[in-house]
Amino acid sequence: MNKISEYLKLIVGVLFILIPVAFLIKANFGLAAFDMYLLNTSQTTGIKYGTVNIITGIFLVIVQFFIVKKFEIKRFIQVLFITLPSLFFNFFFYTVLENFNPENLLFRIVLFVVMDILMALGIAILTRIKVVVFPLETTMVEAKKAFKVRIGIIKYVMDFIFISIGVSLFFIFDLENINVGIGTVVLVLTQGSLVMMWNKLIDATKFSQKNH
């Protein structure tokens, strides 16, 4: 029963990340480093965003082999867990939201703020479950163990790499939008605090339920 509950939380958490990302792209204020890399790569190659995520996941699993210096076929399970969500994103973004292109500035700001908050909820949910890990997060954890540095430093390094790739693609292929902007800064500055806020609310809800 606990496993079923964990998997349900996984589905909810993933949806609360994927759907906000789709709307954040539409809000067009800039994206987080990894999302910007995925979108710029998608716009450069013509490969859909979710498919780029799957390909990147495979590459990150291969990187893990070099970090841990051991080949473990079970690591590719991580790719299986991002495949369905990525395909769902492709459908939602390219079909459901195909004609959704907001132009009103106030509406875009409200949309961005709401999606920023909801995405933090998704992250908070995923950090609480133990049924699965994803390629990006697992790569950061393995790098932390191998290089004996804080996970925050690893994240900054990987963000720098993803932003560098995304910006390079923008200039080399003259993309229409760099997908880095004030929204990128806001996401960096707010996501940590928002995740902590959601964690406190979830803990408070659990405490309240135990006392009823």
N, C-alpha and C. Protein backbone atom coordinates (compact mmCIF):
# COMPACT_ATOMS: atom_id res chain seq x y z
N MET A 1 0.83 -1.20 0.00
CA MET A 1 0.00 0.00 0.00
C MET A 1 0.87 1.26 0.00
N ASN A 2 1.95 1.20 0.80
CA ASN A 2 2.85 2.34 0.86
C ASN A 2 3.49 2.61 -0.50
N LYS A 3 3.82 1.52 -1.22
CA LYS A 3 4.43 1.66 -2.55
C LYS A 3 3.46 2.36 -3.50
N ILE A 4 2.18 1.94 -3.45
CA ILE A 4 1.17 2.56 -4.31
C ILE A 4 1.05 4.04 -4.00
N SER A 5 1.05 4.36 -2.70
CA SER A 5 0.97 5.76 -2.27
C SER A 5 2.16 6.56 -2.78
N GLU A 6 3.34 5.94 -2.73
CA GLU A 6 4.55 6.63 -3.19
C GLU A 6 4.50 6.89 -4.69
N TYR A 7 4.00 5.91 -5.43
CA TYR A 7 3.91 6.08 -6.89
C TYR A 7 2.87 7.12 -7.27
N LEU A 8 1.78 7.19 -6.50
CA LEU A 8 0.77 8.23 -6.74
C LEU A 8 1.36 9.61 -6.49
N LYS A 9 2.16 9.72 -5.43
CA LYS A 9 2.84 10.98 -5.13
C LYS A 9 3.81 11.33 -6.25
N LEU A 10 4.47 10.31 -6.78
CA LEU A 10 5.41 10.52 -7.89
C LEU A 10 4.69 11.12 -9.09
N ILE A 11 3.54 10.55 -9.44
CA ILE A 11 2.77 11.04 -10.59
C ILE A 11 2.33 12.48 -10.37
N VAL A 12 1.80 12.76 -9.18
CA VAL A 12 1.35 14.12 -8.86
C VAL A 12 2.51 15.10 -8.90
N GLY A 13 3.64 14.71 -8.29
CA GLY A 13 4.81 15.58 -8.27
C GLY A 13 5.33 15.90 -9.65
N VAL A 14 5.40 14.87 -10.50
CA VAL A 14 5.89 15.07 -11.87
C VAL A 14 4.95 15.99 -12.65
N LEU A 15 3.64 15.79 -12.49
CA LEU A 15 2.67 16.63 -13.20
C LEU A 15 2.77 18.09 -12.75
N PHE A 16 3.02 18.28 -11.45
CA PHE A 16 3.14 19.63 -10.91
C PHE A 16 4.45 20.30 -11.32
N ILE A 17 5.32 19.57 -11.97
CA ILE A 17 6.53 20.17 -12.54
C ILE A 17 6.37 20.37 -14.05
N LEU A 18 5.90 19.33 -14.73
CA LEU A 18 5.80 19.39 -16.19
C LEU A 18 4.81 20.44 -16.68
N ILE A 19 3.63 20.47 -16.08
CA ILE A 19 2.61 21.43 -16.53
C ILE A 19 3.06 22.87 -16.30
N PRO A 20 3.59 23.21 -15.11
CA PRO A 20 4.12 24.56 -14.93
C PRO A 20 5.23 24.93 -15.91
N VAL A 21 6.12 23.98 -16.22
CA VAL A 21 7.19 24.27 -17.17
C VAL A 21 6.60 24.66 -18.52
N ALA A 22 5.57 23.93 -18.95
CA ALA A 22 4.92 24.24 -20.23
C ALA A 22 4.36 25.66 -20.23
N PHE A 23 3.71 26.04 -19.13
CA PHE A 23 3.14 27.39 -19.04
C PHE A 23 4.22 28.45 -18.86
N LEU A 24 5.32 28.10 -18.19
CA LEU A 24 6.43 29.05 -18.03
C LEU A 24 7.06 29.38 -19.39
N ILE A 25 7.13 28.38 -20.25
CA ILE A 25 7.64 28.62 -21.61
C ILE A 25 6.71 29.60 -22.32
N LYS A 26 5.40 29.39 -22.16
CA LYS A 26 4.42 30.26 -22.81
C LYS A 26 4.45 31.68 -22.22
N ALA A 27 4.75 31.79 -20.93
CA ALA A 27 4.82 33.11 -20.29
C ALA A 27 5.97 33.94 -20.86
N ASN A 28 7.04 33.23 -21.27
CA ASN A 28 8.16 33.85 -22.00
C ASN A 28 8.91 34.92 -21.21
N PHE A 29 9.24 34.58 -19.96
CA PHE A 29 10.08 35.48 -19.16
C PHE A 29 11.46 34.88 -18.90
N GLY A 30 11.70 33.69 -19.43
CA GLY A 30 12.96 33.01 -19.16
C GLY A 30 12.72 31.75 -18.35
N LEU A 31 13.63 30.79 -18.50
CA LEU A 31 13.48 29.49 -17.85
C LEU A 31 14.67 29.17 -16.97
N ALA A 32 14.50 28.15 -16.13
CA ALA A 32 15.61 27.64 -15.35
C ALA A 32 16.64 27.03 -16.30
N ALA A 33 17.87 26.85 -15.81
CA ALA A 33 19.00 26.45 -16.66
C ALA A 33 18.71 25.19 -17.49
N PHE A 34 18.27 24.12 -16.83
CA PHE A 34 18.06 22.85 -17.54
C PHE A 34 16.93 22.97 -18.56
N ASP A 35 15.85 23.65 -18.18
CA ASP A 35 14.72 23.82 -19.09
C ASP A 35 15.11 24.68 -20.30
N MET A 36 15.92 25.70 -20.05
CA MET A 36 16.40 26.55 -21.15
C MET A 36 17.25 25.75 -22.13
N TYR A 37 18.11 24.89 -21.58
CA TYR A 37 18.94 24.03 -22.43
C TYR A 37 18.07 23.11 -23.28
N LEU A 38 17.05 22.50 -22.65
CA LEU A 38 16.16 21.59 -23.38
C LEU A 38 15.41 22.32 -24.49
N LEU A 39 14.88 23.51 -24.17
CA LEU A 39 14.10 24.25 -25.16
C LEU A 39 14.97 24.75 -26.31
N ASN A 40 16.15 25.28 -26.00
CA ASN A 40 17.04 25.77 -27.06
C ASN A 40 17.52 24.63 -27.95
N THR A 41 17.80 23.47 -27.33
CA THR A 41 18.20 22.31 -28.12
C THR A 41 17.05 21.86 -29.01
N SER A 42 15.84 21.88 -28.47
CA SER A 42 14.65 21.52 -29.24
C SER A 42 14.46 22.46 -30.43
N GLN A 43 14.61 23.76 -30.19
CA GLN A 43 14.42 24.74 -31.26
C GLN A 43 15.53 24.65 -32.31
N THR A 44 16.72 24.22 -31.89
CA THR A 44 17.84 24.09 -32.82
C THR A 44 17.70 22.86 -33.71
N THR A 45 17.32 21.74 -33.09
CA THR A 45 17.30 20.46 -33.81
C THR A 45 15.94 20.12 -34.43
N GLY A 46 14.89 20.75 -33.92
CA GLY A 46 13.55 20.40 -34.39
C GLY A 46 12.98 19.20 -33.65
N ILE A 47 13.76 18.65 -32.72
CA ILE A 47 13.29 17.54 -31.89
C ILE A 47 12.45 18.11 -30.75
N LYS A 48 11.34 17.47 -30.44
CA LYS A 48 10.46 18.00 -29.40
C LYS A 48 11.14 18.03 -28.04
N TYR A 49 10.71 18.98 -27.22
CA TYR A 49 11.29 19.23 -25.90
C TYR A 49 11.39 17.95 -25.06
N GLY A 50 10.26 17.24 -24.94
CA GLY A 50 10.25 16.03 -24.13
C GLY A 50 11.19 14.97 -24.65
N THR A 51 11.31 14.87 -25.96
CA THR A 51 12.22 13.90 -26.58
C THR A 51 13.67 14.27 -26.30
N VAL A 52 13.98 15.56 -26.32
CA VAL A 52 15.33 16.02 -25.95
C VAL A 52 15.62 15.63 -24.51
N ASN A 53 14.61 15.71 -23.65
CA ASN A 53 14.78 15.33 -22.25
C ASN A 53 15.13 13.85 -22.12
N ILE A 54 14.49 13.01 -22.92
CA ILE A 54 14.77 11.57 -22.90
C ILE A 54 16.20 11.30 -23.37
N ILE A 55 16.59 11.93 -24.46
CA ILE A 55 17.95 11.76 -25.01
C ILE A 55 18.99 12.23 -24.00
N THR A 56 18.72 13.38 -23.36
CA THR A 56 19.64 13.91 -22.35
C THR A 56 19.72 12.96 -21.16
N GLY A 57 18.59 12.35 -20.80
CA GLY A 57 18.58 11.40 -19.70
C GLY A 57 19.48 10.21 -19.98
N ILE A 58 19.44 9.70 -21.21
CA ILE A 58 20.32 8.59 -21.60
C ILE A 58 21.78 9.00 -21.49
N PHE A 59 22.08 10.21 -21.98
CA PHE A 59 23.45 10.71 -21.91
C PHE A 59 23.91 10.84 -20.46
N LEU A 60 23.04 11.34 -19.58
CA LEU A 60 23.41 11.52 -18.17
C LEU A 60 23.66 10.19 -17.48
N VAL A 61 22.89 9.16 -17.85
CA VAL A 61 23.12 7.83 -17.29
C VAL A 61 24.50 7.33 -17.71
N ILE A 62 24.88 7.57 -18.96
CA ILE A 62 26.22 7.18 -19.44
C ILE A 62 27.30 7.94 -18.67
N VAL A 63 27.05 9.23 -18.39
CA VAL A 63 27.98 10.03 -17.59
C VAL A 63 28.14 9.41 -16.20
N GLN A 64 27.05 8.90 -15.64
CA GLN A 64 27.11 8.25 -14.33
C GLN A 64 28.06 7.07 -14.33
N PHE A 65 28.09 6.31 -15.43
CA PHE A 65 29.00 5.17 -15.53
C PHE A 65 30.45 5.62 -15.36
N PHE A 66 30.79 6.75 -15.97
CA PHE A 66 32.15 7.27 -15.86
C PHE A 66 32.43 7.81 -14.46
N ILE A 67 31.42 8.38 -13.82
CA ILE A 67 31.61 8.92 -12.48
C ILE A 67 31.84 7.81 -11.46
N VAL A 68 30.98 6.78 -11.50
CA VAL A 68 31.10 5.69 -10.52
C VAL A 68 32.10 4.63 -10.97
N LYS A 69 32.55 4.73 -12.24
CA LYS A 69 33.53 3.81 -12.81
C LYS A 69 33.04 2.36 -12.76
N LYS A 70 31.76 2.20 -13.04
CA LYS A 70 31.17 0.87 -13.03
C LYS A 70 29.92 0.86 -13.92
N PHE A 71 29.80 -0.16 -14.76
CA PHE A 71 28.63 -0.27 -15.65
C PHE A 71 27.53 -1.03 -14.94
N GLU A 72 26.38 -0.39 -14.76
CA GLU A 72 25.23 -1.02 -14.13
C GLU A 72 24.00 -0.79 -15.02
N ILE A 73 23.55 -1.85 -15.66
CA ILE A 73 22.44 -1.73 -16.60
C ILE A 73 21.17 -1.22 -15.93
N LYS A 74 21.04 -1.48 -14.62
CA LYS A 74 19.83 -1.06 -13.90
C LYS A 74 19.68 0.46 -13.86
N ARG A 75 20.77 1.17 -14.10
CA ARG A 75 20.70 2.63 -14.09
C ARG A 75 19.79 3.16 -15.20
N PHE A 76 19.63 2.38 -16.25
CA PHE A 76 18.78 2.84 -17.36
C PHE A 76 17.30 2.85 -16.99
N ILE A 77 16.96 2.29 -15.81
CA ILE A 77 15.59 2.39 -15.31
C ILE A 77 15.20 3.85 -15.14
N GLN A 78 16.20 4.68 -14.82
CA GLN A 78 15.94 6.13 -14.68
C GLN A 78 15.34 6.70 -15.96
N VAL A 79 15.84 6.22 -17.09
CA VAL A 79 15.35 6.72 -18.38
C VAL A 79 13.90 6.31 -18.60
N LEU A 80 13.56 5.10 -18.16
CA LEU A 80 12.18 4.63 -18.31
C LEU A 80 11.22 5.53 -17.54
N PHE A 81 11.67 6.01 -16.39
CA PHE A 81 10.80 6.82 -15.55
C PHE A 81 10.62 8.25 -16.08
N ILE A 82 11.50 8.70 -16.97
CA ILE A 82 11.29 10.04 -17.54
C ILE A 82 10.64 9.97 -18.93
N THR A 83 10.56 8.76 -19.49
CA THR A 83 10.02 8.63 -20.85
C THR A 83 8.54 8.99 -20.93
N LEU A 84 7.70 8.38 -20.08
CA LEU A 84 6.27 8.65 -20.13
C LEU A 84 5.95 10.12 -19.80
N PRO A 85 6.54 10.69 -18.73
CA PRO A 85 6.30 12.11 -18.46
C PRO A 85 6.74 13.01 -19.61
N SER A 86 7.85 12.67 -20.25
CA SER A 86 8.35 13.48 -21.36
C SER A 86 7.41 13.42 -22.56
N LEU A 87 6.87 12.23 -22.83
CA LEU A 87 5.91 12.08 -23.92
C LEU A 87 4.61 12.82 -23.61
N PHE A 88 4.22 12.79 -22.32
CA PHE A 88 3.04 13.56 -21.90
C PHE A 88 3.28 15.04 -22.13
N PHE A 89 4.49 15.51 -21.80
CA PHE A 89 4.81 16.93 -22.01
C PHE A 89 4.69 17.29 -23.48
N ASN A 90 5.21 16.43 -24.34
CA ASN A 90 5.11 16.69 -25.78
C ASN A 90 3.66 16.88 -26.21
N PHE A 91 2.79 16.00 -25.72
CA PHE A 91 1.37 16.11 -26.07
C PHE A 91 0.76 17.38 -25.51
N PHE A 92 1.02 17.66 -24.23
CA PHE A 92 0.41 18.81 -23.57
C PHE A 92 0.89 20.13 -24.18
N PHE A 93 2.20 20.24 -24.40
CA PHE A 93 2.75 21.50 -24.89
C PHE A 93 2.48 21.73 -26.37
N TYR A 94 2.71 20.70 -27.18
CA TYR A 94 2.61 20.87 -28.63
C TYR A 94 1.20 20.68 -29.19
N THR A 95 0.31 20.07 -28.41
CA THR A 95 -1.06 19.85 -28.88
C THR A 95 -2.08 20.67 -28.09
N VAL A 96 -2.11 20.44 -26.77
CA VAL A 96 -3.09 21.14 -25.92
C VAL A 96 -2.85 22.65 -25.90
N LEU A 97 -1.58 23.04 -25.77
CA LEU A 97 -1.25 24.47 -25.67
C LEU A 97 -0.77 25.07 -26.99
N GLU A 98 -1.01 24.36 -28.07
CA GLU A 98 -0.49 24.81 -29.37
C GLU A 98 -0.90 26.25 -29.71
N ASN A 99 -2.14 26.59 -29.46
CA ASN A 99 -2.65 27.92 -29.81
C ASN A 99 -2.73 28.87 -28.62
N PHE A 100 -2.11 28.46 -27.51
CA PHE A 100 -2.11 29.31 -26.31
C PHE A 100 -0.85 30.16 -26.31
N ASN A 101 -0.97 31.40 -26.71
CA ASN A 101 0.18 32.30 -26.78
C ASN A 101 -0.20 33.66 -26.18
N PRO A 102 -0.21 33.75 -24.85
CA PRO A 102 -0.64 34.98 -24.18
C PRO A 102 0.26 36.17 -24.52
N GLU A 103 -0.36 37.32 -24.73
CA GLU A 103 0.39 38.53 -25.06
C GLU A 103 0.24 39.61 -24.00
N ASN A 104 -0.85 39.56 -23.22
CA ASN A 104 -1.07 40.56 -22.18
C ASN A 104 -0.01 40.43 -21.09
N LEU A 105 0.71 41.51 -20.82
CA LEU A 105 1.83 41.48 -19.88
C LEU A 105 1.39 41.08 -18.48
N LEU A 106 0.31 41.67 -17.99
CA LEU A 106 -0.16 41.37 -16.63
C LEU A 106 -0.54 39.90 -16.51
N PHE A 107 -1.23 39.38 -17.51
CA PHE A 107 -1.63 37.97 -17.49
C PHE A 107 -0.40 37.07 -17.49
N ARG A 108 0.61 37.42 -18.28
CA ARG A 108 1.84 36.62 -18.33
C ARG A 108 2.56 36.64 -17.00
N ILE A 109 2.56 37.79 -16.32
CA ILE A 109 3.21 37.90 -15.01
C ILE A 109 2.49 37.02 -13.99
N VAL A 110 1.15 37.11 -13.96
CA VAL A 110 0.36 36.28 -13.04
C VAL A 110 0.58 34.80 -13.34
N LEU A 111 0.58 34.44 -14.62
CA LEU A 111 0.80 33.06 -15.04
C LEU A 111 2.16 32.56 -14.56
N PHE A 112 3.18 33.39 -14.73
CA PHE A 112 4.53 33.03 -14.31
C PHE A 112 4.59 32.78 -12.81
N VAL A 113 4.02 33.70 -12.03
CA VAL A 113 4.06 33.59 -10.56
C VAL A 113 3.34 32.33 -10.08
N VAL A 114 2.16 32.08 -10.62
CA VAL A 114 1.38 30.91 -10.22
C VAL A 114 2.13 29.62 -10.56
N MET A 115 2.71 29.56 -11.75
CA MET A 115 3.43 28.35 -12.17
C MET A 115 4.73 28.16 -11.39
N ASP A 116 5.37 29.26 -11.02
CA ASP A 116 6.57 29.20 -10.17
C ASP A 116 6.21 28.52 -8.85
N ILE A 117 5.09 28.93 -8.26
CA ILE A 117 4.64 28.37 -6.98
C ILE A 117 4.26 26.90 -7.12
N LEU A 118 3.53 26.56 -8.18
CA LEU A 118 3.10 25.17 -8.38
C LEU A 118 4.27 24.24 -8.68
N MET A 119 5.25 24.74 -9.43
CA MET A 119 6.42 23.92 -9.73
C MET A 119 7.19 23.59 -8.45
N ALA A 120 7.25 24.55 -7.54
CA ALA A 120 7.92 24.32 -6.26
C ALA A 120 7.19 23.23 -5.47
N LEU A 121 5.86 23.19 -5.57
CA LEU A 121 5.09 22.14 -4.91
C LEU A 121 5.47 20.78 -5.49
N GLY A 122 5.60 20.69 -6.80
CA GLY A 122 6.00 19.44 -7.43
C GLY A 122 7.36 18.97 -6.95
N ILE A 123 8.30 19.91 -6.85
CA ILE A 123 9.64 19.58 -6.37
C ILE A 123 9.59 19.11 -4.93
N ALA A 124 8.78 19.79 -4.10
CA ALA A 124 8.64 19.42 -2.69
C ALA A 124 8.10 18.00 -2.55
N ILE A 125 7.13 17.65 -3.38
CA ILE A 125 6.55 16.30 -3.34
C ILE A 125 7.58 15.26 -3.74
N LEU A 126 8.32 15.53 -4.82
CA LEU A 126 9.30 14.55 -5.31
C LEU A 126 10.45 14.34 -4.33
N THR A 127 10.83 15.38 -3.60
CA THR A 127 11.94 15.23 -2.65
C THR A 127 11.55 14.38 -1.45
N ARG A 128 10.25 14.09 -1.31
CA ARG A 128 9.78 13.33 -0.15
C ARG A 128 9.57 11.84 -0.45
N ILE A 129 9.68 11.44 -1.69
CA ILE A 129 9.44 10.04 -2.03
C ILE A 129 10.76 9.34 -2.36
N LYS A 130 10.74 8.02 -2.20
CA LYS A 130 11.98 7.26 -2.36
C LYS A 130 11.86 6.14 -3.40
N VAL A 131 10.80 6.19 -4.20
CA VAL A 131 10.59 5.07 -5.13
C VAL A 131 11.44 5.17 -6.38
N VAL A 132 11.88 6.36 -6.74
CA VAL A 132 12.64 6.49 -7.97
C VAL A 132 13.46 7.76 -7.96
N VAL A 133 14.52 7.75 -8.70
CA VAL A 133 15.32 8.96 -8.90
C VAL A 133 15.47 9.17 -10.40
N PHE A 134 15.70 10.40 -10.79
CA PHE A 134 15.78 10.76 -12.20
C PHE A 134 17.22 11.02 -12.61
N PRO A 135 17.53 10.93 -13.90
CA PRO A 135 18.92 11.04 -14.38
C PRO A 135 19.66 12.29 -13.91
N LEU A 136 19.03 13.46 -14.01
CA LEU A 136 19.71 14.70 -13.63
C LEU A 136 20.06 14.70 -12.15
N GLU A 137 19.08 14.38 -11.30
CA GLU A 137 19.29 14.38 -9.86
C GLU A 137 20.30 13.31 -9.45
N THR A 138 20.20 12.12 -10.06
CA THR A 138 21.11 11.03 -9.73
C THR A 138 22.54 11.38 -10.13
N THR A 139 22.71 12.01 -11.27
CA THR A 139 24.04 12.43 -11.71
C THR A 139 24.66 13.40 -10.72
N MET A 140 23.85 14.33 -10.21
CA MET A 140 24.36 15.30 -9.23
C MET A 140 24.77 14.60 -7.94
N VAL A 141 23.96 13.63 -7.50
CA VAL A 141 24.27 12.90 -6.27
C VAL A 141 25.56 12.09 -6.43
N GLU A 142 25.71 11.41 -7.57
CA GLU A 142 26.92 10.61 -7.81
C GLU A 142 28.15 11.50 -7.91
N ALA A 143 28.01 12.66 -8.53
CA ALA A 143 29.12 13.61 -8.63
C ALA A 143 29.51 14.12 -7.25
N LYS A 144 28.51 14.37 -6.42
CA LYS A 144 28.76 14.83 -5.04
C LYS A 144 29.60 13.80 -4.28
N LYS A 145 29.22 12.52 -4.41
CA LYS A 145 29.96 11.46 -3.73
C LYS A 145 31.37 11.32 -4.27
N ALA A 146 31.51 11.40 -5.59
CA ALA A 146 32.81 11.17 -6.23
C ALA A 146 33.80 12.30 -5.98
N PHE A 147 33.31 13.53 -6.03
CA PHE A 147 34.20 14.69 -5.93
C PHE A 147 34.23 15.31 -4.54
N LYS A 148 33.43 14.75 -3.61
CA LYS A 148 33.43 15.20 -2.21
C LYS A 148 33.14 16.69 -2.07
N VAL A 149 32.14 17.15 -2.78
CA VAL A 149 31.73 18.55 -2.66
C VAL A 149 30.23 18.61 -2.41
N ARG A 150 29.76 19.76 -1.98
CA ARG A 150 28.34 19.92 -1.67
C ARG A 150 27.49 19.84 -2.94
N ILE A 151 26.27 19.35 -2.75
CA ILE A 151 25.37 19.19 -3.89
C ILE A 151 25.06 20.53 -4.54
N GLY A 152 25.07 21.60 -3.72
CA GLY A 152 24.81 22.94 -4.25
C GLY A 152 25.86 23.35 -5.27
N ILE A 153 27.11 23.00 -5.00
CA ILE A 153 28.20 23.34 -5.92
C ILE A 153 28.04 22.56 -7.22
N ILE A 154 27.70 21.28 -7.09
CA ILE A 154 27.47 20.45 -8.28
C ILE A 154 26.34 21.04 -9.12
N LYS A 155 25.28 21.49 -8.46
CA LYS A 155 24.15 22.07 -9.19
C LYS A 155 24.56 23.34 -9.93
N TYR A 156 25.35 24.18 -9.26
CA TYR A 156 25.81 25.41 -9.91
C TYR A 156 26.65 25.09 -11.15
N VAL A 157 27.51 24.08 -11.03
CA VAL A 157 28.37 23.68 -12.15
C VAL A 157 27.51 23.18 -13.31
N MET A 158 26.54 22.32 -13.00
CA MET A 158 25.69 21.77 -14.05
C MET A 158 24.80 22.86 -14.67
N ASP A 159 24.31 23.77 -13.84
CA ASP A 159 23.52 24.89 -14.37
C ASP A 159 24.36 25.73 -15.33
N PHE A 160 25.62 25.95 -14.95
CA PHE A 160 26.53 26.72 -15.80
C PHE A 160 26.73 26.02 -17.15
N ILE A 161 26.90 24.69 -17.09
CA ILE A 161 27.08 23.91 -18.32
C ILE A 161 25.85 24.00 -19.21
N PHE A 162 24.67 23.82 -18.61
CA PHE A 162 23.43 23.86 -19.40
C PHE A 162 23.17 25.25 -19.98
N ILE A 163 23.42 26.29 -19.18
CA ILE A 163 23.23 27.65 -19.68
C ILE A 163 24.21 27.95 -20.80
N SER A 164 25.46 27.50 -20.63
CA SER A 164 26.49 27.72 -21.66
C SER A 164 26.09 27.07 -22.98
N ILE A 165 25.59 25.83 -22.90
CA ILE A 165 25.14 25.13 -24.11
C ILE A 165 23.96 25.87 -24.74
N GLY A 166 22.99 26.24 -23.90
CA GLY A 166 21.80 26.92 -24.41
C GLY A 166 22.12 28.26 -25.05
N VAL A 167 22.98 29.04 -24.41
CA VAL A 167 23.37 30.35 -24.95
C VAL A 167 24.17 30.18 -26.24
N SER A 168 25.06 29.19 -26.25
CA SER A 168 25.86 28.92 -27.46
C SER A 168 24.97 28.57 -28.64
N LEU A 169 23.96 27.74 -28.39
CA LEU A 169 23.03 27.37 -29.46
C LEU A 169 22.28 28.60 -29.98
N PHE A 170 21.94 29.51 -29.06
CA PHE A 170 21.22 30.73 -29.44
C PHE A 170 22.04 31.56 -30.42
N PHE A 171 23.32 31.75 -30.10
CA PHE A 171 24.17 32.59 -30.94
C PHE A 171 24.61 31.89 -32.23
N ILE A 172 24.94 30.61 -32.12
CA ILE A 172 25.42 29.88 -33.30
C ILE A 172 24.32 29.70 -34.34
N PHE A 173 23.12 29.38 -33.87
CA PHE A 173 22.03 29.08 -34.81
C PHE A 173 21.01 30.21 -34.91
N ASP A 174 21.32 31.35 -34.29
CA ASP A 174 20.48 32.55 -34.40
C ASP A 174 19.02 32.24 -34.07
N LEU A 175 18.81 31.66 -32.88
CA LEU A 175 17.46 31.31 -32.45
C LEU A 175 16.64 32.57 -32.20
N GLU A 176 15.34 32.42 -32.29
CA GLU A 176 14.44 33.57 -32.11
C GLU A 176 14.46 34.09 -30.68
N ASN A 177 14.61 33.17 -29.71
CA ASN A 177 14.56 33.55 -28.29
C ASN A 177 15.65 32.83 -27.53
N ILE A 178 16.37 33.55 -26.68
CA ILE A 178 17.45 32.93 -25.90
C ILE A 178 16.89 32.13 -24.73
N ASN A 179 15.65 32.45 -24.30
CA ASN A 179 14.96 31.76 -23.21
C ASN A 179 15.63 31.92 -21.86
N VAL A 180 16.45 32.96 -21.74
CA VAL A 180 17.01 33.38 -20.46
C VAL A 180 16.57 34.81 -20.25
N GLY A 181 16.05 35.11 -19.07
CA GLY A 181 15.60 36.47 -18.82
C GLY A 181 15.37 36.71 -17.35
N ILE A 182 14.57 37.71 -17.05
CA ILE A 182 14.27 38.03 -15.66
C ILE A 182 13.62 36.85 -14.95
N GLY A 183 12.87 36.06 -15.72
CA GLY A 183 12.23 34.88 -15.15
C GLY A 183 13.24 33.86 -14.65
N THR A 184 14.36 33.75 -15.36
CA THR A 184 15.43 32.83 -14.94
C THR A 184 15.95 33.23 -13.57
N VAL A 185 16.19 34.52 -13.39
CA VAL A 185 16.69 35.04 -12.11
C VAL A 185 15.66 34.81 -11.01
N VAL A 186 14.40 35.11 -11.31
CA VAL A 186 13.33 34.93 -10.33
C VAL A 186 13.21 33.47 -9.91
N LEU A 187 13.29 32.55 -10.86
CA LEU A 187 13.20 31.13 -10.54
C LEU A 187 14.36 30.70 -9.64
N VAL A 188 15.56 31.17 -9.95
CA VAL A 188 16.73 30.83 -9.14
C VAL A 188 16.56 31.34 -7.72
N LEU A 189 16.05 32.56 -7.58
CA LEU A 189 15.94 33.20 -6.26
C LEU A 189 14.75 32.70 -5.44
N THR A 190 13.70 32.22 -6.10
CA THR A 190 12.48 31.88 -5.37
C THR A 190 12.24 30.39 -5.15
N GLN A 191 12.76 29.54 -6.03
CA GLN A 191 12.42 28.12 -5.95
C GLN A 191 12.81 27.48 -4.62
N GLY A 192 14.00 27.78 -4.12
CA GLY A 192 14.45 27.21 -2.85
C GLY A 192 13.52 27.57 -1.71
N SER A 193 13.17 28.84 -1.61
CA SER A 193 12.28 29.31 -0.54
C SER A 193 10.88 28.74 -0.68
N LEU A 194 10.40 28.67 -1.92
CA LEU A 194 9.06 28.14 -2.15
C LEU A 194 8.97 26.65 -1.82
N VAL A 195 10.01 25.91 -2.15
CA VAL A 195 10.03 24.47 -1.82
C VAL A 195 10.00 24.30 -0.30
N MET A 196 10.78 25.11 0.42
CA MET A 196 10.77 25.05 1.88
C MET A 196 9.40 25.41 2.44
N MET A 197 8.75 26.40 1.83
CA MET A 197 7.40 26.80 2.26
C MET A 197 6.42 25.64 2.11
N TRP A 198 6.46 24.97 0.95
CA TRP A 198 5.57 23.84 0.71
C TRP A 198 5.87 22.69 1.66
N ASN A 199 7.15 22.44 1.95
CA ASN A 199 7.52 21.38 2.88
C ASN A 199 6.94 21.65 4.27
N LYS A 200 7.00 22.90 4.70
CA LYS A 200 6.45 23.27 6.01
C LYS A 200 4.93 23.09 6.02
N LEU A 201 4.28 23.48 4.93
CA LEU A 201 2.82 23.32 4.85
C LEU A 201 2.42 21.85 4.86
N ILE A 202 3.19 21.02 4.14
CA ILE A 202 2.91 19.58 4.11
C ILE A 202 3.11 18.98 5.49
N ASP A 203 4.19 19.36 6.17
CA ASP A 203 4.46 18.87 7.53
C ASP A 203 3.36 19.31 8.49
N ALA A 204 2.92 20.56 8.35
CA ALA A 204 1.87 21.09 9.22
C ALA A 204 0.56 20.35 9.00
N THR A 205 0.27 20.01 7.75
CA THR A 205 -0.95 19.28 7.42
C THR A 205 -0.91 17.88 8.02
N LYS A 206 0.24 17.22 7.93
CA LYS A 206 0.40 15.88 8.51
C LYS A 206 0.21 15.93 10.02
N PHE A 207 0.80 16.95 10.67
CA PHE A 207 0.70 17.10 12.12
C PHE A 207 -0.75 17.32 12.53
N SER A 208 -1.46 18.13 11.74
CA SER A 208 -2.86 18.43 12.03
C SER A 208 -3.72 17.17 11.90
N GLN A 209 -3.42 16.35 10.88
CA GLN A 209 -4.19 15.12 10.66
C GLN A 209 -3.97 14.12 11.79
N LYS A 210 -2.74 14.07 12.31
CA LYS A 210 -2.42 13.14 13.39
C LYS A 210 -3.15 13.51 14.68
N ASN A 211 -3.49 14.77 14.82
CA ASN A 211 -4.12 15.24 16.04
C ASN A 211 -5.65 15.32 15.93
N HIS A 212 -6.20 14.69 14.90
CA HIS A 212 -7.65 14.66 14.73
C HIS A 212 -8.16 13.22 14.77
